[in-house]
N, C-alpha and C. Protein backbone atom coordinates (compact mmCIF):
# COMPACT_ATOMS: atom_id res chain seq x y z
N MET A 1 76.06 92.21 106.32
CA MET A 1 76.96 92.17 105.01
C MET A 1 77.96 93.22 105.10
N THR A 2 77.54 94.49 105.49
CA THR A 2 78.36 95.59 105.59
C THR A 2 79.45 95.57 106.66
N ALA A 3 79.03 94.70 107.77
CA ALA A 3 79.93 94.73 108.96
C ALA A 3 81.19 93.89 108.39
N THR A 4 81.10 92.98 107.64
CA THR A 4 82.32 92.23 107.22
C THR A 4 83.13 92.97 106.20
N ALA A 5 82.58 93.89 105.35
CA ALA A 5 83.30 94.66 104.38
C ALA A 5 84.10 95.77 104.88
N THR A 6 83.57 96.44 106.05
CA THR A 6 84.24 97.60 106.69
C THR A 6 85.65 97.27 107.05
N PRO A 7 85.95 96.12 107.99
CA PRO A 7 87.31 96.02 108.49
C PRO A 7 88.38 95.82 107.37
N THR A 8 87.97 95.24 106.28
CA THR A 8 89.13 95.08 105.19
C THR A 8 89.43 96.43 104.51
N THR A 9 88.55 97.34 104.34
CA THR A 9 88.83 98.61 103.77
C THR A 9 89.67 99.41 104.81
N THR A 10 89.38 99.30 106.10
CA THR A 10 90.15 100.16 106.99
C THR A 10 91.49 99.64 107.15
N ALA A 11 91.77 98.35 107.07
CA ALA A 11 92.98 97.78 107.24
C ALA A 11 93.97 98.11 106.09
N SER A 12 93.46 98.15 104.86
CA SER A 12 94.39 98.45 103.80
C SER A 12 94.52 99.96 103.73
N ALA A 13 93.62 100.78 104.05
CA ALA A 13 93.78 102.24 103.93
C ALA A 13 94.88 102.79 105.04
N SER A 14 94.99 102.07 106.14
CA SER A 14 95.93 102.56 107.09
C SER A 14 97.35 102.09 106.98
N SER A 15 97.63 101.40 105.96
CA SER A 15 99.02 100.86 105.81
C SER A 15 99.85 101.93 105.23
N THR A 16 100.85 102.49 105.94
CA THR A 16 101.72 103.42 105.32
C THR A 16 103.03 102.80 104.93
N PRO A 17 103.70 103.25 103.93
CA PRO A 17 105.03 102.61 103.57
C PRO A 17 106.05 102.70 104.65
N ARG A 18 106.96 101.70 104.72
CA ARG A 18 107.84 101.58 105.83
C ARG A 18 108.84 102.69 105.93
N MET A 19 109.33 103.28 104.82
CA MET A 19 110.29 104.26 104.87
C MET A 19 109.60 105.58 105.25
N LYS A 20 108.34 105.73 104.84
CA LYS A 20 107.64 107.02 105.24
C LYS A 20 107.35 107.06 106.77
N ALA A 21 106.97 105.88 107.31
CA ALA A 21 106.72 105.84 108.79
C ALA A 21 108.06 106.04 109.52
N ARG A 22 109.27 105.52 109.02
CA ARG A 22 110.53 105.74 109.70
C ARG A 22 110.94 107.18 109.63
N TYR A 23 110.59 107.90 108.36
CA TYR A 23 111.02 109.21 108.30
C TYR A 23 110.18 110.16 109.37
N HIS A 24 108.93 109.90 109.46
CA HIS A 24 108.11 110.71 110.43
C HIS A 24 108.42 110.42 111.84
N ALA A 25 108.78 109.05 112.15
CA ALA A 25 109.04 108.66 113.50
C ALA A 25 110.45 109.09 114.08
N GLU A 26 111.44 108.89 113.18
CA GLU A 26 112.84 109.01 113.60
C GLU A 26 113.66 110.11 112.94
N ILE A 27 113.51 110.06 111.59
CA ILE A 27 114.43 110.79 110.80
C ILE A 27 114.19 112.33 110.98
N LYS A 28 113.05 112.71 110.91
CA LYS A 28 112.59 114.16 110.96
C LYS A 28 113.07 114.82 112.26
N ALA A 29 112.95 114.13 113.46
CA ALA A 29 113.44 114.61 114.62
C ALA A 29 114.96 114.66 114.67
N ALA A 30 115.60 113.75 114.15
CA ALA A 30 117.07 113.79 114.11
C ALA A 30 117.58 114.83 113.25
N LEU A 31 116.99 115.13 112.09
CA LEU A 31 117.41 116.24 111.22
C LEU A 31 117.12 117.52 111.81
N ARG A 32 116.04 117.64 112.50
CA ARG A 32 115.83 118.99 113.14
C ARG A 32 116.81 119.26 114.23
N GLU A 33 117.24 118.21 114.89
CA GLU A 33 118.25 118.38 116.05
C GLU A 33 119.61 118.63 115.41
N GLN A 34 119.90 117.94 114.27
CA GLN A 34 121.31 118.14 113.62
C GLN A 34 121.50 119.49 113.07
N PHE A 35 120.45 119.97 112.37
CA PHE A 35 120.71 121.34 111.80
C PHE A 35 120.09 122.44 112.63
N ASP A 36 119.66 122.16 113.77
CA ASP A 36 119.08 123.16 114.83
C ASP A 36 117.93 124.10 114.07
N PHE A 37 116.94 123.44 113.49
CA PHE A 37 115.86 124.08 112.95
C PHE A 37 114.92 124.60 113.96
N GLY A 38 114.45 125.77 113.90
CA GLY A 38 113.44 126.34 114.83
C GLY A 38 112.10 126.05 114.49
N ASN A 39 111.83 125.66 113.22
CA ASN A 39 110.35 125.39 112.73
C ASN A 39 110.41 123.97 112.20
N VAL A 40 109.36 123.17 112.49
CA VAL A 40 109.27 121.86 111.81
C VAL A 40 109.13 121.82 110.40
N MET A 41 108.65 122.86 109.80
CA MET A 41 108.49 123.03 108.34
C MET A 41 109.82 123.18 107.60
N GLN A 42 110.99 123.58 108.41
CA GLN A 42 112.23 123.76 107.79
C GLN A 42 112.91 122.40 107.53
N VAL A 43 112.50 121.34 108.23
CA VAL A 43 113.19 120.00 108.08
C VAL A 43 112.91 119.52 106.63
N PRO A 44 114.06 119.01 105.94
CA PRO A 44 113.92 118.57 104.54
C PRO A 44 113.09 117.38 104.52
N GLY A 45 112.42 117.22 103.41
CA GLY A 45 111.57 116.01 103.01
C GLY A 45 111.79 115.73 101.62
N VAL A 46 111.26 114.57 101.12
CA VAL A 46 111.23 114.19 99.76
C VAL A 46 109.89 114.70 99.21
N VAL A 47 110.00 115.35 98.11
CA VAL A 47 108.81 115.78 97.28
C VAL A 47 108.39 114.88 96.21
N LYS A 48 109.33 114.51 95.37
CA LYS A 48 108.95 113.57 94.34
C LYS A 48 110.22 112.93 93.78
N VAL A 49 110.00 111.77 93.08
CA VAL A 49 111.16 111.05 92.46
C VAL A 49 110.67 110.90 90.94
N VAL A 50 111.66 111.48 90.14
CA VAL A 50 111.49 111.38 88.69
C VAL A 50 112.41 110.20 88.06
N VAL A 51 111.72 109.24 87.40
CA VAL A 51 112.54 108.16 86.80
C VAL A 51 112.47 108.36 85.23
N ASN A 52 113.61 108.58 84.67
CA ASN A 52 113.71 108.84 83.23
C ASN A 52 114.46 107.69 82.45
N MET A 53 113.94 107.29 81.36
CA MET A 53 114.57 106.27 80.52
C MET A 53 114.77 106.73 79.17
N GLY A 54 115.91 107.23 78.74
CA GLY A 54 116.14 107.77 77.41
C GLY A 54 116.39 106.52 76.45
N VAL A 55 115.60 106.56 75.20
CA VAL A 55 115.75 105.60 74.23
C VAL A 55 116.00 106.30 72.98
N GLY A 56 117.33 106.64 72.77
CA GLY A 56 117.74 107.38 71.51
C GLY A 56 117.59 106.51 70.23
N ASP A 57 117.66 105.25 70.32
CA ASP A 57 117.50 104.32 69.27
C ASP A 57 116.10 104.28 68.72
N ALA A 58 115.11 104.75 69.43
CA ALA A 58 113.79 104.78 69.07
C ALA A 58 113.50 105.68 67.84
N ALA A 59 114.54 106.54 67.58
CA ALA A 59 114.33 107.38 66.38
C ALA A 59 114.34 106.51 65.11
N ARG A 60 115.11 105.45 65.16
CA ARG A 60 115.25 104.59 64.01
C ARG A 60 114.36 103.49 64.04
N ASP A 61 113.99 102.82 65.26
CA ASP A 61 113.06 101.77 65.36
C ASP A 61 112.10 102.18 66.51
N SER A 62 110.84 102.37 65.98
CA SER A 62 109.86 102.90 66.96
C SER A 62 109.26 101.79 67.89
N LYS A 63 109.62 100.51 67.62
CA LYS A 63 109.20 99.50 68.51
C LYS A 63 109.93 99.45 69.88
N LEU A 64 111.17 100.02 69.88
CA LEU A 64 112.01 100.03 71.04
C LEU A 64 111.36 100.72 72.25
N ILE A 65 110.62 101.84 71.94
CA ILE A 65 109.93 102.63 72.99
C ILE A 65 108.96 101.78 73.87
N ASP A 66 108.31 100.76 73.16
CA ASP A 66 107.31 99.91 73.80
C ASP A 66 107.96 99.10 75.00
N GLY A 67 109.28 98.55 74.76
CA GLY A 67 109.95 97.80 75.76
C GLY A 67 110.28 98.75 76.92
N ALA A 68 110.71 100.03 76.66
CA ALA A 68 111.12 100.93 77.66
C ALA A 68 109.84 101.24 78.57
N ILE A 69 108.70 101.48 77.91
CA ILE A 69 107.45 101.82 78.55
C ILE A 69 107.10 100.62 79.47
N LYS A 70 107.11 99.46 79.03
CA LYS A 70 106.67 98.19 79.68
C LYS A 70 107.69 98.10 81.00
N ASP A 71 109.04 98.16 80.75
CA ASP A 71 109.97 98.08 81.82
C ASP A 71 109.66 99.14 82.89
N LEU A 72 109.49 100.39 82.46
CA LEU A 72 109.35 101.49 83.42
C LEU A 72 108.03 101.33 84.13
N ALA A 73 107.01 100.87 83.47
CA ALA A 73 105.66 100.70 84.23
C ALA A 73 105.78 99.55 85.22
N ALA A 74 106.62 98.53 84.95
CA ALA A 74 106.80 97.49 85.86
C ALA A 74 107.56 97.88 87.17
N ILE A 75 108.68 98.71 86.83
CA ILE A 75 109.51 99.25 87.97
C ILE A 75 108.80 100.13 88.91
N THR A 76 108.11 101.12 88.30
CA THR A 76 107.58 102.31 89.07
C THR A 76 106.14 101.96 89.45
N GLY A 77 105.52 101.11 88.84
CA GLY A 77 103.93 100.90 89.32
C GLY A 77 102.98 101.84 88.70
N GLN A 78 103.41 102.68 87.69
CA GLN A 78 102.42 103.59 87.10
C GLN A 78 102.90 103.82 85.61
N LYS A 79 101.94 104.17 84.76
CA LYS A 79 102.26 104.33 83.37
C LYS A 79 103.07 105.55 83.13
N PRO A 80 104.16 105.31 82.38
CA PRO A 80 105.05 106.37 82.13
C PRO A 80 104.60 107.24 81.00
N ALA A 81 105.06 108.58 80.87
CA ALA A 81 104.67 109.47 79.90
C ALA A 81 105.81 109.41 78.79
N VAL A 82 105.47 109.34 77.52
CA VAL A 82 106.53 109.30 76.49
C VAL A 82 107.16 110.64 76.22
N THR A 83 108.43 110.72 76.14
CA THR A 83 109.13 112.00 75.94
C THR A 83 109.31 112.13 74.42
N GLN A 84 108.96 113.30 73.85
CA GLN A 84 109.06 113.48 72.35
C GLN A 84 110.22 114.49 72.14
N ALA A 85 110.70 114.32 70.87
CA ALA A 85 111.73 115.38 70.50
C ALA A 85 111.24 116.66 70.26
N ARG A 86 111.75 117.75 70.84
CA ARG A 86 111.27 119.05 70.79
C ARG A 86 111.61 119.81 69.44
N LYS A 87 112.73 119.35 68.90
CA LYS A 87 113.06 119.91 67.54
C LYS A 87 113.78 118.94 66.69
N SER A 88 113.76 119.07 65.37
CA SER A 88 114.40 118.23 64.54
C SER A 88 115.96 118.46 64.35
N ILE A 89 116.65 117.26 64.33
CA ILE A 89 118.11 117.31 64.23
C ILE A 89 118.51 116.37 63.12
N ALA A 90 118.90 116.85 62.07
CA ALA A 90 119.25 115.98 60.85
C ALA A 90 120.34 115.02 61.07
N GLN A 91 121.40 115.38 61.76
CA GLN A 91 122.47 114.48 62.00
C GLN A 91 122.18 113.25 62.79
N PHE A 92 121.08 113.35 63.68
CA PHE A 92 120.62 112.18 64.40
C PHE A 92 119.51 111.54 63.78
N LYS A 93 119.07 112.09 62.46
CA LYS A 93 117.85 111.49 61.82
C LYS A 93 116.79 111.57 62.72
N LEU A 94 116.49 112.74 63.35
CA LEU A 94 115.49 112.93 64.33
C LEU A 94 114.53 114.01 63.91
N ARG A 95 113.31 113.82 63.95
CA ARG A 95 112.20 114.76 63.57
C ARG A 95 111.51 115.22 64.82
N GLU A 96 110.89 116.37 64.76
CA GLU A 96 110.18 116.87 65.85
C GLU A 96 108.99 116.03 66.23
N GLY A 97 108.75 115.72 67.43
CA GLY A 97 107.59 114.90 67.81
C GLY A 97 107.85 113.41 67.85
N MET A 98 109.11 112.92 67.44
CA MET A 98 109.42 111.56 67.51
C MET A 98 109.67 111.11 68.98
N PRO A 99 109.21 109.84 69.35
CA PRO A 99 109.46 109.43 70.70
C PRO A 99 110.85 109.14 70.90
N ILE A 100 111.47 109.62 71.98
CA ILE A 100 112.94 109.39 72.27
C ILE A 100 113.15 108.90 73.76
N GLY A 101 112.06 108.75 74.51
CA GLY A 101 112.22 108.34 75.85
C GLY A 101 110.96 108.15 76.62
N ALA A 102 111.07 107.89 77.93
CA ALA A 102 109.85 107.82 78.75
C ALA A 102 110.22 108.14 80.07
N HIS A 103 109.30 108.74 80.81
CA HIS A 103 109.63 109.20 82.25
C HIS A 103 108.25 109.13 83.02
N THR A 104 108.58 108.87 84.35
CA THR A 104 107.51 108.86 85.40
C THR A 104 107.87 109.71 86.61
N THR A 105 106.88 110.36 87.07
CA THR A 105 107.01 111.17 88.24
C THR A 105 106.18 110.53 89.32
N LEU A 106 107.00 110.09 90.41
CA LEU A 106 106.24 109.36 91.56
C LEU A 106 106.13 110.38 92.70
N ARG A 107 104.93 110.46 93.28
CA ARG A 107 104.75 111.23 94.49
C ARG A 107 103.89 110.40 95.51
N GLY A 108 103.90 110.82 96.71
CA GLY A 108 103.05 110.17 97.76
C GLY A 108 103.51 108.67 98.10
N ASP A 109 102.61 107.85 98.52
CA ASP A 109 103.08 106.56 98.87
C ASP A 109 103.87 105.75 97.80
N ARG A 110 103.45 105.92 96.57
CA ARG A 110 104.20 105.17 95.47
C ARG A 110 105.69 105.64 95.58
N MET A 111 105.89 106.94 95.73
CA MET A 111 107.33 107.46 95.87
C MET A 111 108.10 106.72 96.93
N TRP A 112 107.43 106.69 98.19
CA TRP A 112 108.15 106.15 99.36
C TRP A 112 108.39 104.64 99.18
N GLU A 113 107.35 103.86 98.61
CA GLU A 113 107.67 102.46 98.34
C GLU A 113 108.72 102.28 97.27
N PHE A 114 108.75 103.15 96.17
CA PHE A 114 109.87 102.96 95.19
C PHE A 114 111.23 103.23 95.88
N LEU A 115 111.34 104.34 96.70
CA LEU A 115 112.56 104.63 97.44
C LEU A 115 113.00 103.49 98.25
N ASP A 116 112.13 102.80 98.92
CA ASP A 116 112.34 101.74 99.90
C ASP A 116 112.89 100.47 98.99
N ARG A 117 112.30 100.22 97.96
CA ARG A 117 112.73 99.15 97.12
C ARG A 117 114.05 99.42 96.47
N LEU A 118 114.22 100.65 96.04
CA LEU A 118 115.54 101.06 95.56
C LEU A 118 116.74 100.84 96.50
N VAL A 119 116.52 101.35 97.72
CA VAL A 119 117.61 101.26 98.70
C VAL A 119 117.85 99.99 99.22
N SER A 120 116.84 99.26 99.50
CA SER A 120 116.93 97.87 100.13
C SER A 120 117.20 96.69 99.25
N VAL A 121 116.61 96.81 97.87
CA VAL A 121 116.74 95.67 97.07
C VAL A 121 117.61 95.93 95.75
N ALA A 122 117.20 97.08 95.09
CA ALA A 122 117.91 97.33 93.81
C ALA A 122 119.37 97.60 93.93
N LEU A 123 119.68 98.62 94.69
CA LEU A 123 121.15 99.01 94.64
C LEU A 123 122.06 97.88 95.33
N PRO A 124 121.62 97.04 96.24
CA PRO A 124 122.55 96.00 96.65
C PRO A 124 122.80 94.93 95.53
N ARG A 125 121.73 94.95 94.56
CA ARG A 125 122.00 93.88 93.40
C ARG A 125 122.87 94.26 92.46
N ILE A 126 123.33 95.51 92.47
CA ILE A 126 124.24 96.08 91.39
C ILE A 126 125.64 95.26 91.59
N ARG A 127 126.24 94.69 90.47
CA ARG A 127 127.48 94.13 90.59
C ARG A 127 128.63 95.13 90.83
N ASP A 128 129.57 94.77 91.79
CA ASP A 128 130.64 95.64 92.14
C ASP A 128 130.32 96.99 92.52
N PHE A 129 129.22 97.04 93.30
CA PHE A 129 128.63 98.37 93.78
C PHE A 129 129.37 98.85 94.93
N ARG A 130 129.95 100.04 94.79
CA ARG A 130 130.83 100.68 95.92
C ARG A 130 130.10 101.79 96.61
N GLY A 131 128.94 102.11 96.20
CA GLY A 131 128.30 103.22 96.75
C GLY A 131 127.80 104.32 95.75
N LEU A 132 126.97 105.23 96.16
CA LEU A 132 126.66 106.30 95.26
C LEU A 132 127.58 107.42 95.45
N SER A 133 127.76 108.24 94.44
CA SER A 133 128.68 109.46 94.56
C SER A 133 127.91 110.61 95.38
N PRO A 134 128.64 111.05 96.41
CA PRO A 134 127.97 112.13 97.14
C PRO A 134 128.07 113.53 96.48
N LYS A 135 128.64 113.52 95.26
CA LYS A 135 128.84 114.92 94.66
C LYS A 135 127.88 115.19 93.53
N GLN A 136 126.87 114.45 93.47
CA GLN A 136 125.94 114.62 92.37
C GLN A 136 124.68 115.33 92.82
N PHE A 137 124.76 116.28 93.68
CA PHE A 137 123.59 117.05 94.12
C PHE A 137 123.78 118.36 93.34
N ASP A 138 122.59 119.01 93.08
CA ASP A 138 122.49 120.21 92.15
C ASP A 138 122.73 121.48 92.87
N GLY A 139 123.00 121.65 94.10
CA GLY A 139 123.12 122.91 94.75
C GLY A 139 122.01 123.31 95.57
N ASN A 140 120.80 122.64 95.23
CA ASN A 140 119.51 123.01 95.97
C ASN A 140 119.05 121.72 96.81
N GLY A 141 119.81 120.79 96.89
CA GLY A 141 119.45 119.57 97.79
C GLY A 141 118.85 118.47 97.05
N ASN A 142 118.74 118.51 95.61
CA ASN A 142 118.16 117.51 94.78
C ASN A 142 119.32 116.61 94.38
N TYR A 143 118.98 115.25 94.20
CA TYR A 143 120.03 114.29 93.92
C TYR A 143 119.64 113.55 92.65
N THR A 144 120.55 113.40 91.70
CA THR A 144 120.41 112.55 90.48
C THR A 144 121.54 111.69 90.20
N PHE A 145 121.09 110.41 89.99
CA PHE A 145 122.05 109.44 89.62
C PHE A 145 121.52 108.51 88.56
N GLY A 146 122.42 107.77 87.92
CA GLY A 146 121.94 106.82 86.89
C GLY A 146 122.18 105.38 87.20
N LEU A 147 121.47 104.59 86.65
CA LEU A 147 121.68 102.97 86.71
C LEU A 147 121.82 102.53 85.34
N THR A 148 122.82 101.64 85.18
CA THR A 148 123.26 101.19 83.87
C THR A 148 122.28 100.12 83.29
N GLU A 149 121.49 99.46 84.09
CA GLU A 149 120.62 98.35 83.67
C GLU A 149 119.39 98.23 84.48
N GLN A 150 118.29 97.87 83.80
CA GLN A 150 117.00 97.75 84.60
C GLN A 150 116.84 96.49 85.23
N SER A 151 117.68 95.59 85.09
CA SER A 151 117.45 94.16 85.68
C SER A 151 117.83 94.12 87.16
N VAL A 152 118.37 95.31 87.80
CA VAL A 152 118.57 95.34 89.27
C VAL A 152 117.25 95.33 90.03
N PHE A 153 116.20 95.70 89.37
CA PHE A 153 114.81 95.67 90.03
C PHE A 153 114.25 94.25 89.84
N HIS A 154 113.76 93.78 90.96
CA HIS A 154 113.21 92.40 90.83
C HIS A 154 111.84 92.33 90.15
N GLU A 155 111.36 93.39 89.72
CA GLU A 155 110.05 93.33 88.95
C GLU A 155 110.39 92.96 87.44
N ILE A 156 111.61 93.18 87.08
CA ILE A 156 111.99 92.87 85.70
C ILE A 156 112.38 91.36 85.62
N ASP A 157 111.78 90.70 84.70
CA ASP A 157 112.13 89.31 84.48
C ASP A 157 113.44 89.26 83.57
N GLN A 158 114.46 88.58 84.15
CA GLN A 158 115.76 88.49 83.41
C GLN A 158 115.69 87.91 82.13
N ASP A 159 114.81 86.84 81.92
CA ASP A 159 114.72 86.21 80.71
C ASP A 159 113.95 86.92 79.61
N ARG A 160 113.16 87.98 80.06
CA ARG A 160 112.34 88.59 78.94
C ARG A 160 112.85 90.00 78.62
N ILE A 161 114.11 90.39 78.99
CA ILE A 161 114.67 91.57 78.61
C ILE A 161 115.11 91.58 77.17
N ASP A 162 114.58 92.40 76.42
CA ASP A 162 114.88 92.51 74.97
C ASP A 162 116.19 93.17 74.82
N ARG A 163 116.51 94.12 75.56
CA ARG A 163 117.80 94.83 75.44
C ARG A 163 117.99 95.62 76.76
N VAL A 164 119.29 95.84 77.11
CA VAL A 164 119.70 96.39 78.34
C VAL A 164 119.41 98.00 78.26
N ARG A 165 118.64 98.54 79.19
CA ARG A 165 118.41 99.96 79.22
C ARG A 165 118.81 100.50 80.52
N GLY A 166 119.42 101.70 80.56
CA GLY A 166 119.64 102.43 81.76
C GLY A 166 118.64 103.35 82.09
N MET A 167 118.77 104.10 83.14
CA MET A 167 117.78 105.02 83.58
C MET A 167 118.38 106.13 84.57
N ASP A 168 117.78 107.23 84.54
CA ASP A 168 118.22 108.31 85.47
C ASP A 168 117.21 108.44 86.47
N ILE A 169 117.52 108.62 87.80
CA ILE A 169 116.66 108.79 88.90
C ILE A 169 116.99 110.11 89.60
N THR A 170 115.93 111.01 89.76
CA THR A 170 116.22 112.30 90.36
C THR A 170 115.28 112.29 91.59
N VAL A 171 115.89 112.48 92.81
CA VAL A 171 115.09 112.73 94.01
C VAL A 171 115.00 114.11 94.41
N VAL A 172 113.89 114.73 94.31
CA VAL A 172 113.69 116.15 94.63
C VAL A 172 113.29 116.19 95.95
N THR A 173 113.98 117.07 96.76
CA THR A 173 113.80 117.36 98.21
C THR A 173 113.43 118.79 98.49
N THR A 174 112.99 119.10 99.64
CA THR A 174 112.69 120.40 100.08
C THR A 174 113.94 121.06 100.86
N ALA A 175 115.06 120.38 100.75
CA ALA A 175 116.28 120.90 101.34
C ALA A 175 116.75 122.21 100.60
N SER A 176 117.37 123.13 101.39
CA SER A 176 117.75 124.35 100.89
C SER A 176 119.19 124.25 100.30
N ASN A 177 119.99 123.39 100.82
CA ASN A 177 121.36 123.20 100.32
C ASN A 177 121.69 121.62 100.22
N ASP A 178 122.92 121.42 99.66
CA ASP A 178 123.30 120.00 99.48
C ASP A 178 123.57 119.30 100.80
N ASP A 179 124.10 120.06 101.78
CA ASP A 179 124.39 119.26 102.99
C ASP A 179 123.05 118.71 103.77
N GLU A 180 121.99 119.55 103.60
CA GLU A 180 120.76 119.02 104.17
C GLU A 180 120.20 117.92 103.33
N GLY A 181 120.20 118.03 102.06
CA GLY A 181 119.74 117.02 101.23
C GLY A 181 120.59 115.67 101.30
N ARG A 182 121.94 115.82 101.58
CA ARG A 182 122.75 114.66 101.68
C ARG A 182 122.49 113.87 102.98
N ALA A 183 122.17 114.74 104.02
CA ALA A 183 121.89 114.20 105.45
C ALA A 183 120.57 113.57 105.45
N LEU A 184 119.59 114.11 104.67
CA LEU A 184 118.32 113.50 104.56
C LEU A 184 118.32 112.08 103.78
N LEU A 185 118.97 112.02 102.65
CA LEU A 185 119.12 110.76 101.92
C LEU A 185 119.93 109.79 102.63
N ARG A 186 121.08 110.21 103.27
CA ARG A 186 121.88 109.28 104.17
C ARG A 186 121.03 108.57 105.20
N ALA A 187 120.15 109.40 105.88
CA ALA A 187 119.29 108.89 106.92
C ALA A 187 118.20 107.95 106.42
N LEU A 188 117.75 108.16 105.12
CA LEU A 188 116.81 107.29 104.53
C LEU A 188 117.48 106.04 104.02
N GLY A 189 118.83 105.98 104.06
CA GLY A 189 119.44 104.66 103.75
C GLY A 189 120.18 104.63 102.54
N PHE A 190 120.42 105.81 101.79
CA PHE A 190 121.06 105.82 100.57
C PHE A 190 122.55 105.59 100.84
N PRO A 191 123.30 104.62 100.20
CA PRO A 191 124.58 104.25 100.41
C PRO A 191 125.60 105.18 99.75
N PHE A 192 126.00 106.29 100.30
CA PHE A 192 126.95 107.06 99.75
C PHE A 192 128.39 106.68 99.94
N LYS A 193 129.27 106.89 98.97
CA LYS A 193 130.67 106.54 99.12
C LYS A 193 131.26 107.52 100.16
N GLU A 194 132.23 107.00 100.94
CA GLU A 194 132.92 107.84 101.86
C GLU A 194 134.15 108.23 101.29
N ASN A 195 134.36 109.58 101.03
CA ASN A 195 135.61 110.01 100.19
C ASN A 195 136.76 110.24 101.28
């Protein structure tokens, strides 16, 4: 009985994400050669991906945050944390502790699978997509960009969307400057505009 159970567990445990395997097999060596790194540890890599969905209208209607949590959980594959207001602002009718958004931090294999789906499925589905701006790096090799609607991900059912929500996606890398980060993300398949 145990002989039949063993092969199934080893087969599922050894499956690495497609983009991660390509990074280790091809991209790492190419980046080391391009930037002439002396040490393998200097080669930039992806640390984490943070997906943030702000729901400012949740201050007036608390049910809106549930839809954002459901969408974000479907897109990322893990339960998001609810972001709460840090201080009260009377003009926005906002009190401290009210839910105003949700965010998820992806690491490891989930991060690689999300990036693969983002680059190969979600970004090509955006209408009139001309490429990502190459100028949105923060100076330390990290890249942040926004999507205007959640329906570009195939996990979201078009007919069940209660309202269109955008999201911010931050890709945190170990790159020491923007050029290294840009080269890493371009090698991973991010479609940057050519200026």
